[in-house]
Amino acid sequence: MYNRVVIKAGTNVLTGGKEDLDLKVMSSLVDQISRMRLNGKDVLLVTSGAIAAGRQVFGDVNAGKDIPSRQVLAAIGQTRLMHIYEDMFSAHGITVAQALLSRGDILDREGYLNVRNTILALLDLGVIPIINENDVVAVEELGVKVFGDNDSLSAMLSNLIDADLLIVLSDIEGLYTSDPHTNPDAMLISNVDRIDEAIESLAGAGHGVRGSGGMHAKLEAIKLATSSGVAVIIANGKSDEIITRICTGEPIGTFFAATANKMESRKRWMLSVASEECKIVVDYGASVALREGNSSLLPPGIRYVEGDFSRGDIIIVTDLDGNRIACGITSYSSPDVNIIKGIRSYNIRDVLGYEYGEEVLHRNNLVIL
């Protein structure tokens, strides 16, 4: 049902609601994710838990309340957290990779391109990327743009890699009509077609005490994901086989439907920021390959360039008659493309002295119009 899934595991899930990491819970999540990977699914894990891991190793540093002490605990705990994941996944024969991100890494044009290309390459290799916010540097006081919580990070990554589903694992079953911790009559909402004011008014339900992403933060993140064509499920991460049950279609937790077609959403985004003055004009063979072959754009098919653009910009591709074929994120600047147009891809490094891959526009970074 779902071929590419982003899983967000929050602090309350990974600690079992306690101070330290719950290795039993983590092992269960790893087992389920490993089975997905071994069954051919692409899986990306967005994990919290670095501060909890640091506390487990070093104890409280000023009770871990202020920003400097939380950064100390994150720095201590991040390596331990990854070591635990690496050991658990290796038992299943699966390789993992770590990436620590701040918001600026994705909002920056080249950063977006680099993060997307790296994660997609890892997924192609069968590696499970494990992502966390870079807590050591990600504070507003240092001028670094932050996500503020891994809910937002997971939503942005779901959009970035064109995920089919985002699973937000929390310490409650899903979105309730009121806080189930204080109201025994609170009812679980199984399906949400659109997040409107009535749904947003329920955001007070289900705030965690150890995590930074309460229900309000989750709903904001979910709006971002669903508007990008990604469906979202909030569910209790401590429930037995929760990931497996979700991915086999069992109705569980709260399902938030995508409010846009994924491809149309991506196309609208690219067209909204693409400059009509920045174009790559291609020959007939490249035009056919792009339109019919789901191919990347390589240097041999490029005839000439219009406009001035940088690596990471979104540009338009046209045929020799001026018909728009595609728009996409370019791996090379306009001066570079002017130099390498018409040559074989394996000669790029010899001509430029460096390379960012064989493709001027990788098929993962373009949309056919």
Protein backbone atom coordinates (compact mmCIF):
# COMPACT_ATOMS: atom_id res chain seq x y z
CA MET A 1 0.00 0.00 0.00
CA TYR A 2 2.76 2.46 0.97
CA ASN A 3 6.16 2.23 -0.73
CA ARG A 4 7.98 5.16 0.87
CA VAL A 5 7.29 5.90 4.52
CA VAL A 6 8.66 8.45 6.98
CA ILE A 7 8.38 7.39 10.62
CA LYS A 8 8.69 9.95 13.40
CA ALA A 9 9.39 8.55 16.86
CA GLY A 10 9.07 11.10 19.66
CA THR A 11 10.77 11.26 23.02
CA ASN A 12 7.74 9.99 24.93
CA VAL A 13 7.68 6.89 22.74
CA LEU A 14 11.40 6.13 22.92
CA THR A 15 11.52 6.55 26.69
CA GLY A 16 8.25 4.75 27.40
CA GLY A 17 7.20 7.88 29.31
CA LYS A 18 10.22 7.67 31.64
CA GLU A 19 13.50 9.56 31.88
CA ASP A 20 15.74 7.06 30.04
CA LEU A 21 15.56 5.34 26.67
CA ASP A 22 13.41 2.21 26.65
CA LEU A 23 15.48 -0.32 24.71
CA LYS A 24 12.58 -2.76 24.50
CA VAL A 25 10.41 -0.18 22.76
CA MET A 26 13.27 0.85 20.46
CA SER A 27 14.01 -2.78 19.57
CA SER A 28 10.38 -3.38 18.65
CA LEU A 29 10.33 -0.32 16.37
CA VAL A 30 13.60 -1.38 14.74
CA ASP A 31 12.26 -4.90 14.14
CA GLN A 32 9.18 -3.53 12.37
CA ILE A 33 11.11 -1.01 10.30
CA SER A 34 13.63 -3.69 9.33
CA ARG A 35 10.90 -5.97 8.03
CA MET A 36 9.56 -3.10 5.93
CA ARG A 37 13.02 -2.44 4.47
CA LEU A 38 13.63 -6.15 3.77
CA ASN A 39 10.26 -6.25 2.00
CA GLY A 40 11.44 -3.58 -0.41
CA LYS A 41 9.93 -0.48 1.20
CA ASP A 42 11.82 2.80 1.51
CA VAL A 43 11.87 3.91 5.14
CA LEU A 44 13.23 7.07 6.75
CA LEU A 45 13.30 7.40 10.54
CA VAL A 46 13.07 10.79 12.22
CA THR A 47 14.07 10.20 15.82
CA SER A 48 14.12 12.15 19.03
CA GLY A 49 15.90 10.81 22.11
CA ALA A 50 19.38 12.37 22.04
CA ILE A 51 18.80 14.40 25.20
CA ALA A 52 17.31 11.38 26.98
CA ALA A 53 20.31 9.30 25.90
CA GLY A 54 22.67 11.98 27.21
CA ARG A 55 20.87 12.08 30.52
CA GLN A 56 21.15 8.31 30.75
CA VAL A 57 24.93 8.47 30.27
CA PHE A 58 25.82 11.61 32.19
CA GLY A 59 22.90 12.32 34.49
CA ASP A 60 21.12 15.63 34.71
CA VAL A 61 23.06 18.73 33.71
CA ASN A 62 21.28 21.54 35.56
CA ALA A 63 18.21 19.27 35.28
CA GLY A 64 18.39 19.69 31.48
CA LYS A 65 16.00 22.64 31.48
CA ASP A 66 17.93 25.53 29.91
CA ILE A 67 19.20 25.58 26.33
CA PRO A 68 22.96 25.16 27.06
CA SER A 69 22.41 22.13 29.29
CA ARG A 70 20.05 20.56 26.76
CA GLN A 71 22.68 21.06 24.07
CA VAL A 72 25.28 19.40 26.30
CA LEU A 73 23.00 16.42 26.84
CA ALA A 74 22.22 16.24 23.12
CA ALA A 75 25.91 16.27 22.23
CA ILE A 76 26.61 13.50 24.73
CA GLY A 77 23.58 11.46 23.82
CA GLN A 78 23.55 11.67 20.01
CA THR A 79 26.42 9.22 19.52
CA ARG A 80 24.93 6.83 22.06
CA LEU A 81 21.54 7.03 20.37
CA MET A 82 23.04 6.23 16.97
CA HIS A 83 25.17 3.44 18.42
CA ILE A 84 22.01 1.81 19.78
CA TYR A 85 20.24 2.11 16.43
CA GLU A 86 23.28 0.86 14.53
CA ASP A 87 23.56 -2.25 16.73
CA MET A 88 19.84 -2.98 16.51
CA PHE A 89 19.58 -2.56 12.74
CA SER A 90 22.82 -4.45 12.04
CA ALA A 91 21.28 -7.49 13.71
CA HIS A 92 18.87 -7.50 10.74
CA GLY A 93 21.66 -6.95 8.21
CA ILE A 94 20.62 -3.36 7.58
CA THR A 95 22.92 -0.36 7.26
CA VAL A 96 21.89 2.98 8.71
CA ALA A 97 23.09 6.52 8.06
CA GLN A 98 22.83 9.58 10.29
CA ALA A 99 21.97 13.14 9.30
CA LEU A 100 21.62 16.05 11.74
CA LEU A 101 19.69 18.91 10.17
CA SER A 102 18.59 22.43 10.92
CA ARG A 103 15.79 24.22 9.09
CA GLY A 104 18.31 26.28 7.13
CA ASP A 105 19.75 23.11 5.61
CA ILE A 106 16.44 22.50 3.82
CA LEU A 107 15.31 26.08 3.15
CA ASP A 108 18.63 26.93 1.50
CA ARG A 109 18.45 26.14 -2.22
CA GLU A 110 21.67 24.16 -2.43
CA GLY A 111 21.02 22.64 0.97
CA TYR A 112 17.63 21.37 -0.18
CA LEU A 113 19.21 19.81 -3.24
CA ASN A 114 22.06 18.21 -1.30
CA VAL A 115 19.81 16.79 1.43
CA ARG A 116 17.28 15.43 -1.08
CA ASN A 117 19.90 13.85 -3.33
CA THR A 118 21.75 12.29 -0.41
CA ILE A 119 18.64 10.80 1.20
CA LEU A 120 17.31 9.43 -2.09
CA ALA A 121 20.71 7.91 -2.86
CA LEU A 122 20.75 6.25 0.56
CA LEU A 123 17.27 4.84 0.00
CA ASP A 124 18.34 3.51 -3.40
CA LEU A 125 21.16 1.65 -1.66
CA GLY A 126 18.77 0.06 0.83
CA VAL A 127 20.11 2.17 3.69
CA ILE A 128 17.79 3.53 6.37
CA PRO A 129 18.47 7.25 6.97
CA ILE A 130 18.07 8.25 10.63
CA ILE A 131 17.41 11.96 10.97
CA ASN A 132 17.36 14.28 13.96
CA GLU A 133 17.43 18.02 14.42
CA ASN A 134 20.91 19.33 15.14
CA ASP A 135 20.12 20.31 18.73
CA VAL A 136 23.72 21.31 19.46
CA VAL A 137 23.54 24.36 17.17
CA ALA A 138 19.84 24.77 16.40
CA VAL A 139 18.73 27.63 18.65
CA GLU A 140 17.23 30.95 17.64
CA GLU A 141 19.66 32.78 19.92
CA LEU A 142 22.55 31.59 17.74
CA GLY A 143 20.79 32.81 14.60
CA VAL A 144 20.19 29.27 13.35
CA LYS A 145 16.75 28.54 11.93
CA VAL A 146 15.19 25.70 13.91
CA PHE A 147 12.37 23.25 13.39
CA GLY A 148 11.47 23.49 17.07
CA ASP A 149 10.35 19.87 17.11
CA ASN A 150 10.77 16.74 15.05
CA ASP A 151 7.12 16.86 13.95
CA SER A 152 7.92 19.79 11.68
CA LEU A 153 11.15 18.16 10.54
CA SER A 154 9.39 14.92 9.63
CA ALA A 155 6.74 16.79 7.62
CA MET A 156 9.34 18.74 5.66
CA LEU A 157 11.32 15.56 4.94
CA SER A 158 8.16 13.76 3.82
CA ASN A 159 7.64 16.48 1.26
CA LEU A 160 11.33 16.55 0.35
CA ILE A 161 11.52 12.84 -0.56
CA ASP A 162 7.97 12.48 -1.96
CA ALA A 163 6.85 10.06 0.75
CA ASP A 164 3.57 8.21 0.50
CA LEU A 165 2.91 8.24 4.24
CA LEU A 166 4.13 9.96 7.39
CA ILE A 167 3.61 7.98 10.60
CA VAL A 168 3.80 10.14 13.74
CA LEU A 169 4.31 7.86 16.73
CA SER A 170 3.14 9.51 19.94
CA ASP A 171 2.20 8.44 23.46
CA ILE A 172 -1.55 8.55 22.71
CA GLU A 173 -3.73 6.68 20.23
CA GLY A 174 -4.34 9.69 17.99
CA LEU A 175 -6.38 12.89 17.93
CA TYR A 176 -9.19 12.97 20.49
CA THR A 177 -12.24 15.15 20.99
CA SER A 178 -10.60 16.25 24.28
CA ASP A 179 -7.60 15.30 26.38
CA PRO A 180 -7.86 11.55 27.09
CA HIS A 181 -5.49 11.90 30.03
CA THR A 182 -8.03 14.00 31.93
CA ASN A 183 -11.37 13.15 30.29
CA PRO A 184 -12.40 9.46 30.27
CA ASP A 185 -15.19 10.30 27.82
CA ALA A 186 -12.80 11.63 25.17
CA MET A 187 -13.35 9.92 21.81
CA LEU A 188 -10.74 9.03 19.23
CA ILE A 189 -11.21 10.68 15.84
CA SER A 190 -10.45 8.00 13.24
CA ASN A 191 -10.33 10.11 10.07
CA VAL A 192 -9.70 13.76 9.29
CA ASP A 193 -10.31 14.90 5.72
CA ARG A 194 -9.09 18.44 6.30
CA ILE A 195 -7.63 20.35 9.25
CA ASP A 196 -10.08 23.21 9.80
CA GLU A 197 -10.79 25.47 12.78
CA ALA A 198 -12.87 22.78 14.48
CA ILE A 199 -9.96 20.32 14.32
CA GLU A 200 -7.44 22.95 15.38
CA SER A 201 -9.56 23.72 18.44
CA LEU A 202 -8.76 20.20 19.67
CA ALA A 203 -5.02 20.91 19.74
CA GLY A 204 -4.96 21.07 23.52
CA ALA A 205 -5.52 17.31 23.67
CA GLY A 206 -2.55 15.09 24.32
CA HIS A 207 0.43 17.25 25.24
CA GLY A 208 3.50 15.24 26.21
CA VAL A 209 5.60 16.22 29.22
CA ARG A 210 9.02 15.22 27.86
CA GLY A 211 8.68 15.95 24.17
CA SER A 212 8.65 19.36 22.51
CA GLY A 213 5.89 18.67 20.00
CA GLY A 214 2.41 18.82 21.52
CA MET A 215 -0.74 18.28 19.51
CA HIS A 216 -0.73 21.85 18.21
CA ALA A 217 2.75 21.35 16.75
CA LYS A 218 1.66 18.03 15.29
CA LEU A 219 -1.35 19.56 13.55
CA GLU A 220 0.78 22.34 12.07
CA ALA A 221 3.22 19.76 10.75
CA ILE A 222 0.42 17.57 9.43
CA LYS A 223 -1.05 20.51 7.49
CA LEU A 224 2.31 20.94 5.78
CA ALA A 225 2.54 17.24 4.92
CA THR A 226 -1.04 16.75 3.72
CA SER A 227 -0.96 19.91 1.58
CA SER A 228 2.11 18.40 -0.12
CA GLY A 229 0.25 15.22 -1.03
CA VAL A 230 1.44 13.08 1.90
CA ALA A 231 -1.05 11.18 4.05
CA VAL A 232 -0.38 11.16 7.81
CA ILE A 233 -1.27 8.83 10.67
CA ILE A 234 -0.87 9.63 14.37
CA ALA A 235 -0.77 6.50 16.51
CA ASN A 236 0.50 5.16 19.82
CA GLY A 237 4.11 4.13 19.31
CA LYS A 238 4.00 1.74 22.26
CA SER A 239 1.19 -0.40 20.80
CA ASP A 240 2.20 -3.89 19.64
CA GLU A 241 3.38 -4.04 16.02
CA ILE A 242 2.01 -0.56 15.43
CA ILE A 243 4.03 0.19 12.29
CA THR A 244 3.32 -3.20 10.74
CA ARG A 245 -0.40 -2.89 11.42
CA ILE A 246 -0.54 0.58 9.89
CA CYS A 247 1.33 -0.45 6.76
CA THR A 248 -0.89 -3.48 6.20
CA GLY A 249 -3.95 -1.24 6.17
CA GLU A 250 -5.37 -1.78 9.65
CA PRO A 251 -7.48 1.25 10.65
CA ILE A 252 -5.65 2.48 13.72
CA GLY A 253 -4.89 5.87 15.21
CA THR A 254 -6.02 9.00 13.38
CA PHE A 255 -5.67 9.13 9.61
CA PHE A 256 -5.23 12.53 7.95
CA ALA A 257 -5.94 12.43 4.23
CA ALA A 258 -3.68 14.22 1.76
CA THR A 259 -5.41 17.38 0.58
CA ALA A 260 -3.53 17.58 -2.71
CA ASN A 261 -2.26 15.23 -5.35
CA LYS A 262 1.43 14.68 -4.64
CA MET A 263 2.61 15.29 -8.18
CA GLU A 264 0.33 18.29 -8.66
CA SER A 265 1.54 19.75 -5.37
CA ARG A 266 5.17 19.36 -6.40
CA LYS A 267 4.45 20.75 -9.85
CA ARG A 268 2.67 23.80 -8.42
CA TRP A 269 5.53 24.44 -6.00
CA MET A 270 8.19 24.23 -8.70
CA LEU A 271 6.24 26.38 -11.13
CA SER A 272 5.58 28.97 -8.43
CA VAL A 273 9.29 29.56 -7.85
CA ALA A 274 10.70 28.83 -11.31
CA SER A 275 11.91 31.81 -13.29
CA GLU A 276 10.59 32.03 -16.85
CA GLU A 277 13.82 33.81 -17.78
CA CYS A 278 15.99 30.84 -16.76
CA LYS A 279 15.76 28.00 -19.26
CA ILE A 280 17.64 25.04 -20.62
CA VAL A 281 16.80 24.31 -24.25
CA VAL A 282 17.19 20.68 -25.35
CA ASP A 283 17.22 18.78 -28.64
CA TYR A 284 14.59 16.36 -29.92
CA GLY A 285 16.19 13.25 -28.41
CA ALA A 286 16.38 14.75 -24.92
CA SER A 287 12.82 16.01 -25.26
CA VAL A 288 11.53 12.51 -26.02
CA ALA A 289 13.64 10.97 -23.24
CA LEU A 290 12.22 13.41 -20.68
CA ARG A 291 8.59 13.18 -21.81
CA GLU A 292 8.39 9.45 -22.40
CA GLY A 293 11.31 7.80 -20.65
CA ASN A 294 11.24 9.23 -17.11
CA SER A 295 14.87 10.14 -17.73
CA SER A 296 17.27 12.61 -16.20
CA LEU A 297 18.58 15.49 -18.29
CA LEU A 298 22.18 14.83 -19.31
CA PRO A 299 24.63 17.28 -20.96
CA PRO A 300 24.59 15.68 -24.47
CA GLY A 301 20.97 16.70 -25.07
CA ILE A 302 21.40 20.36 -24.10
CA ARG A 303 21.62 22.89 -26.95
CA TYR A 304 21.82 26.21 -25.11
CA VAL A 305 20.95 28.11 -21.93
CA GLU A 306 18.86 31.23 -21.36
CA GLY A 307 19.17 33.41 -18.28
CA ASP A 308 21.49 33.37 -15.30
CA PHE A 309 20.89 30.75 -12.59
CA SER A 310 22.77 29.09 -9.77
CA ARG A 311 23.08 25.49 -8.66
CA GLY A 312 19.91 24.59 -6.75
CA ASP A 313 17.66 27.02 -8.65
CA ILE A 314 14.44 25.78 -10.22
CA ILE A 315 14.48 26.32 -13.97
CA ILE A 316 12.34 25.54 -17.02
CA VAL A 317 13.29 23.04 -19.74
CA THR A 318 11.98 23.68 -23.27
CA ASP A 319 12.37 22.08 -26.67
CA LEU A 320 13.79 23.91 -29.68
CA ASP A 321 10.31 25.24 -30.55
CA GLY A 322 9.93 26.86 -27.14
CA ASN A 323 7.46 24.32 -25.76
CA ARG A 324 7.84 23.74 -22.05
CA ILE A 325 8.80 20.16 -21.22
CA ALA A 326 9.69 20.17 -17.54
CA CYS A 327 10.79 22.22 -14.58
CA GLY A 328 13.31 21.09 -12.02
CA ILE A 329 16.16 21.77 -9.63
CA THR A 330 19.41 22.18 -11.51
CA SER A 331 22.58 20.54 -10.26
CA TYR A 332 24.76 23.04 -12.14
CA SER A 333 24.81 26.81 -12.61
CA SER A 334 24.16 28.43 -15.97
CA PRO A 335 27.89 29.13 -16.58
CA ASP A 336 28.64 25.47 -15.87
CA VAL A 337 25.84 24.24 -18.14
CA ASN A 338 27.10 26.47 -20.94
CA ILE A 339 30.49 24.81 -20.63
CA ILE A 340 29.32 21.18 -20.40
CA LYS A 341 26.39 21.29 -22.86
CA GLY A 342 26.78 18.67 -25.56
CA ILE A 343 29.57 16.70 -23.87
CA ARG A 344 29.44 13.19 -22.43
CA SER A 345 28.61 13.05 -18.73
CA TYR A 346 31.81 11.18 -17.85
CA ASN A 347 33.80 14.17 -19.13
CA ILE A 348 32.23 16.72 -16.76
CA ARG A 349 35.01 16.51 -14.18
CA ASP A 350 37.71 16.82 -16.85
CA VAL A 351 36.05 19.91 -18.31
CA LEU A 352 34.98 21.71 -15.12
CA GLY A 353 37.53 20.35 -12.66
CA TYR A 354 34.68 19.17 -10.41
CA GLU A 355 31.27 17.57 -10.70
CA TYR A 356 27.94 17.31 -8.86
CA GLY A 357 26.87 14.14 -10.63
CA GLU A 358 26.29 13.09 -14.22
CA GLU A 359 22.87 14.72 -14.47
CA VAL A 360 22.18 18.40 -15.01
CA LEU A 361 18.62 17.70 -13.83
CA HIS A 362 18.14 14.41 -12.00
CA ARG A 363 14.80 12.69 -12.60
CA ASN A 364 14.14 12.85 -8.85
CA ASN A 365 14.35 16.63 -9.01
CA LEU A 366 12.16 17.41 -12.01
CA VAL A 367 8.50 17.37 -12.97
CA ILE A 368 7.17 16.87 -16.48
CA LEU A 369 4.76 19.64 -17.46
